[in-house]
Protein backbone atom coordinates (compact mmCIF):
# COMPACT_ATOMS: atom_id res chain seq x y z
CA MET A 1 41.96 4.68 121.86
CA ARG A 2 41.69 1.22 123.39
CA ALA A 3 40.20 -1.68 121.49
CA ALA A 4 36.65 -2.18 122.71
CA PRO A 5 35.96 -5.18 124.93
CA GLU A 6 33.61 -7.59 123.24
CA ARG A 7 30.50 -7.26 125.40
CA ILE A 8 29.10 -5.73 128.59
CA GLY A 9 25.85 -7.36 129.62
CA ARG A 10 23.44 -7.27 126.68
CA TYR A 11 25.51 -4.63 124.88
CA GLN A 12 27.87 -5.56 122.07
CA LEU A 13 30.64 -2.95 121.99
CA CYS A 14 31.79 -1.73 118.58
CA PHE A 15 34.53 0.85 119.21
CA GLU A 16 35.54 3.62 121.57
CA LEU A 17 34.15 7.09 120.82
CA ALA A 18 35.83 9.10 123.59
CA SER A 19 37.63 8.73 126.89
CA GLY A 20 37.85 10.97 129.95
CA GLY A 21 39.21 10.89 133.48
CA MET A 22 36.46 8.69 134.91
CA ALA A 23 34.97 6.75 132.00
CA SER A 24 35.10 5.86 128.33
CA VAL A 25 32.20 6.05 125.86
CA TYR A 26 31.67 3.39 123.22
CA LEU A 27 29.37 2.91 120.29
CA ALA A 28 27.45 -0.25 121.17
CA ARG A 29 24.53 -2.35 120.02
CA ALA A 30 21.77 -3.22 122.46
CA GLU A 31 20.65 -6.72 121.60
CA GLY A 32 17.36 -8.27 122.66
CA ALA A 33 14.87 -10.68 121.16
CA PRO A 34 15.90 -12.21 117.82
CA GLY A 35 16.14 -9.46 115.24
CA PHE A 36 16.09 -6.57 117.75
CA GLU A 37 19.06 -4.26 118.07
CA LYS A 38 19.60 -0.57 118.74
CA LEU A 39 22.71 1.59 118.56
CA VAL A 40 23.55 3.31 121.85
CA ALA A 41 26.38 5.24 123.42
CA LEU A 42 27.64 3.15 126.33
CA LYS A 43 29.58 4.96 129.05
CA ARG A 44 31.81 2.58 131.00
CA ILE A 45 33.60 3.51 134.21
CA HIS A 46 37.33 2.84 133.99
CA PRO A 47 38.16 -0.60 135.45
CA HIS A 48 40.68 0.82 137.94
CA LEU A 49 37.92 3.03 139.41
CA ALA A 50 35.24 0.33 139.62
CA ASP A 51 36.16 -0.41 143.25
CA GLU A 52 36.37 3.25 144.28
CA LYS A 53 33.20 4.09 146.25
CA ASP A 54 33.24 7.82 145.45
CA TYR A 55 33.54 7.28 141.70
CA VAL A 56 30.85 4.61 141.62
CA GLU A 57 28.51 6.93 143.56
CA MET A 58 29.18 9.78 141.12
CA PHE A 59 28.50 7.44 138.21
CA LEU A 60 25.23 6.29 139.80
CA ASP A 61 24.21 9.90 140.46
CA GLU A 62 24.82 10.82 136.83
CA ALA A 63 22.58 7.97 135.67
CA ARG A 64 19.83 8.73 138.19
CA ILE A 65 19.68 12.45 137.44
CA ALA A 66 19.95 12.31 133.65
CA SER A 67 17.50 9.41 133.31
CA ARG A 68 14.76 11.49 134.96
CA ILE A 69 15.05 14.33 132.46
CA THR A 70 12.84 13.83 129.43
CA HIS A 71 13.43 16.62 126.93
CA ALA A 72 14.42 16.93 123.28
CA ASN A 73 17.46 19.02 124.23
CA VAL A 74 18.90 16.67 126.87
CA CYS A 75 20.67 13.44 125.91
CA SER A 76 18.45 10.54 127.00
CA VAL A 77 19.75 7.99 129.49
CA PHE A 78 17.80 4.75 129.55
CA ASP A 79 19.87 2.13 131.34
CA PHE A 80 22.38 1.76 134.16
CA GLY A 81 23.87 -1.47 135.35
CA GLU A 82 26.79 -3.62 136.33
CA ALA A 83 28.07 -6.68 134.51
CA ALA A 84 31.07 -8.73 135.61
CA GLY A 85 32.22 -5.88 137.85
CA GLU A 86 31.90 -3.20 135.14
CA TYR A 87 29.49 -0.30 135.66
CA PHE A 88 27.87 1.27 132.61
CA ILE A 89 25.33 3.87 131.49
CA ALA A 90 23.47 3.38 128.20
CA MET A 91 22.59 6.65 126.49
CA GLU A 92 21.09 7.93 123.27
CA TYR A 93 23.66 7.75 120.46
CA LEU A 94 23.96 11.25 119.01
CA VAL A 95 25.29 11.73 115.49
CA GLY A 96 27.07 15.06 115.44
CA GLU A 97 29.85 16.84 117.33
CA PRO A 98 30.43 19.03 120.39
CA LEU A 99 29.93 22.76 119.98
CA SER A 100 33.61 23.22 120.85
CA ARG A 101 34.60 21.36 117.68
CA VAL A 102 32.10 23.31 115.58
CA HIS A 103 33.57 26.53 116.98
CA ARG A 104 37.14 25.53 116.11
CA ARG A 105 36.11 24.70 112.55
CA VAL A 106 34.34 28.04 112.13
CA LEU A 107 37.40 29.92 113.39
CA ALA A 108 39.57 28.08 110.86
CA HIS A 109 37.49 29.13 107.84
CA ALA A 110 37.09 32.81 107.01
CA ASP A 111 34.04 32.19 104.81
CA GLN A 112 32.19 30.57 107.72
CA ARG A 113 33.20 33.33 110.16
CA SER A 114 31.76 35.96 107.82
CA SER A 115 28.55 34.09 106.99
CA PRO A 116 25.43 36.18 107.69
CA LEU A 117 23.78 32.97 108.93
CA LEU A 118 26.34 32.32 111.67
CA ALA A 119 24.73 34.53 114.32
CA ALA A 120 21.30 33.01 113.71
CA ARG A 121 22.66 29.48 113.89
CA MET A 122 24.54 30.13 117.12
CA ALA A 123 21.49 31.82 118.63
CA ARG A 124 19.50 28.68 117.85
CA VAL A 125 22.13 26.47 119.51
CA ILE A 126 22.08 28.56 122.69
CA ALA A 127 18.28 28.81 122.73
CA GLN A 128 17.96 25.03 122.55
CA ALA A 129 20.58 24.61 125.28
CA CYS A 130 18.51 26.98 127.43
CA GLU A 131 15.46 24.77 126.89
CA GLY A 132 17.36 21.65 127.92
CA LEU A 133 18.84 23.25 131.02
CA HIS A 134 15.45 24.64 132.02
CA ALA A 135 14.03 21.10 131.90
CA ALA A 136 16.83 19.94 134.21
CA HIS A 137 16.40 22.88 136.58
CA GLU A 138 12.65 22.28 136.87
CA LEU A 139 12.97 18.54 137.56
CA GLN A 140 10.81 17.30 140.44
CA ASP A 141 10.59 14.11 142.48
CA ALA A 142 7.52 11.87 142.69
CA ASP A 143 6.02 14.15 145.35
CA GLY A 144 6.33 17.25 143.18
CA GLU A 145 9.27 18.67 145.15
CA SER A 146 12.10 20.33 143.25
CA LEU A 147 15.29 18.28 142.97
CA HIS A 148 17.33 21.50 142.61
CA VAL A 149 19.37 20.09 139.73
CA VAL A 150 22.41 22.14 138.71
CA HIS A 151 24.55 20.82 135.84
CA ARG A 152 27.72 22.58 137.12
CA ASP A 153 29.72 21.82 133.96
CA VAL A 154 27.97 23.66 131.13
CA SER A 155 30.58 24.28 128.43
CA ALA A 156 31.05 24.18 124.67
CA GLU A 157 32.30 20.61 125.14
CA ASN A 158 29.06 19.54 126.86
CA LEU A 159 26.68 21.05 124.30
CA PHE A 160 26.33 18.54 121.47
CA VAL A 161 25.13 19.67 118.04
CA THR A 162 23.61 16.88 115.95
CA TYR A 163 23.85 16.88 112.17
CA ASP A 164 20.09 17.35 111.89
CA GLY A 165 20.37 20.69 113.70
CA ALA A 166 19.41 19.86 117.30
CA THR A 167 21.42 20.84 120.37
CA GLN A 168 21.54 18.54 123.39
CA VAL A 169 22.96 19.08 126.86
CA VAL A 170 25.20 16.13 127.79
CA ASP A 171 27.28 14.86 130.72
CA PHE A 172 25.61 15.30 134.10
CA GLY A 173 28.62 13.64 135.73
CA ILE A 174 29.17 16.36 138.36
CA ALA A 175 25.60 17.67 138.50
CA HIS A 176 24.24 18.73 141.88
CA ALA A 177 20.82 17.52 143.00
CA ARG A 178 18.94 17.17 146.28
CA GLN A 179 18.91 13.37 146.19
CA ARG A 180 22.53 12.74 145.21
CA VAL A 181 24.28 9.79 146.83
CA HIS A 182 27.71 11.41 146.51
CA HIS A 183 28.18 14.88 147.98
CA THR A 184 30.92 17.36 147.13
CA GLU A 185 33.26 17.95 150.06
CA ALA A 186 33.37 21.44 151.57
CA GLY A 187 35.86 23.62 149.72
CA GLN A 188 36.02 21.34 146.69
CA VAL A 189 35.66 23.10 143.33
CA LYS A 190 34.06 21.24 140.42
CA GLY A 191 33.52 22.42 136.86
CA THR A 192 35.45 23.81 133.90
CA PHE A 193 37.34 26.94 134.91
CA PRO A 194 36.69 29.28 131.93
CA TYR A 195 32.92 28.83 132.34
CA MET A 196 32.68 29.05 136.14
CA ALA A 197 30.64 31.69 137.93
CA PRO A 198 32.46 33.47 140.80
CA GLU A 199 30.60 31.55 143.52
CA GLN A 200 31.50 28.26 141.84
CA MET A 201 35.19 29.19 141.74
CA THR A 202 35.16 29.86 145.48
CA ALA A 203 33.32 26.60 146.32
CA ALA A 204 30.31 28.52 147.65
CA VAL A 205 26.76 27.17 147.57
CA VAL A 206 25.53 27.11 143.95
CA ASP A 207 22.16 27.05 142.23
CA ARG A 208 20.88 27.18 138.65
CA ARG A 209 22.38 30.62 138.16
CA VAL A 210 25.86 29.12 137.71
CA ASP A 211 24.55 27.22 134.67
CA ILE A 212 23.10 30.43 133.24
CA TRP A 213 26.45 32.17 133.76
CA ALA A 214 28.28 29.30 132.05
CA LEU A 215 25.92 29.36 129.09
CA GLY A 216 26.62 33.08 128.73
CA ALA A 217 30.35 32.28 128.71
CA VAL A 218 29.80 29.78 125.90
């Protein structure tokens, strides 16, 4: 992982938490009036993509869509901006781990695999993910019209389980919505292959049902 740059805007970066193809996520402190600070997860677009119009539009779309969803099972986004040519999204800092990591740990320990509580715990994780996705699917604009939000990348990696037992849907980076700035080109497939519904694999028109399929695959 790269050493964190010192600061982006009013955010003091501590260290890198994760890095993907388009952006890196850092633990950061939001600093305000004297004595005020708050830990956040700061998602920063990679510098070499900051001048690429398509990537900036996708980044903006992610911030716009996720910031409108207010639900206990969706990671909160509360700031988007640009400082010294660097685009960033400030999100709720979640203390926990992706469901994919939880799953690998369970598979590695026979006592956890055989626990009578495992099925109940996993059912709770999926039920909470359903609640979060439903909130996204039902999102409306200021006129009460549906935004037709589809996450399009529901996976064990994008379901985050906090250490206090809550599940949150994260990463709306390729989500579809009626008011997106960036639009997927015809024939372009987006998502994570093992979780894709048939219509998503063939680049057909998709709706919320592809998220339901993906959650079933989880």
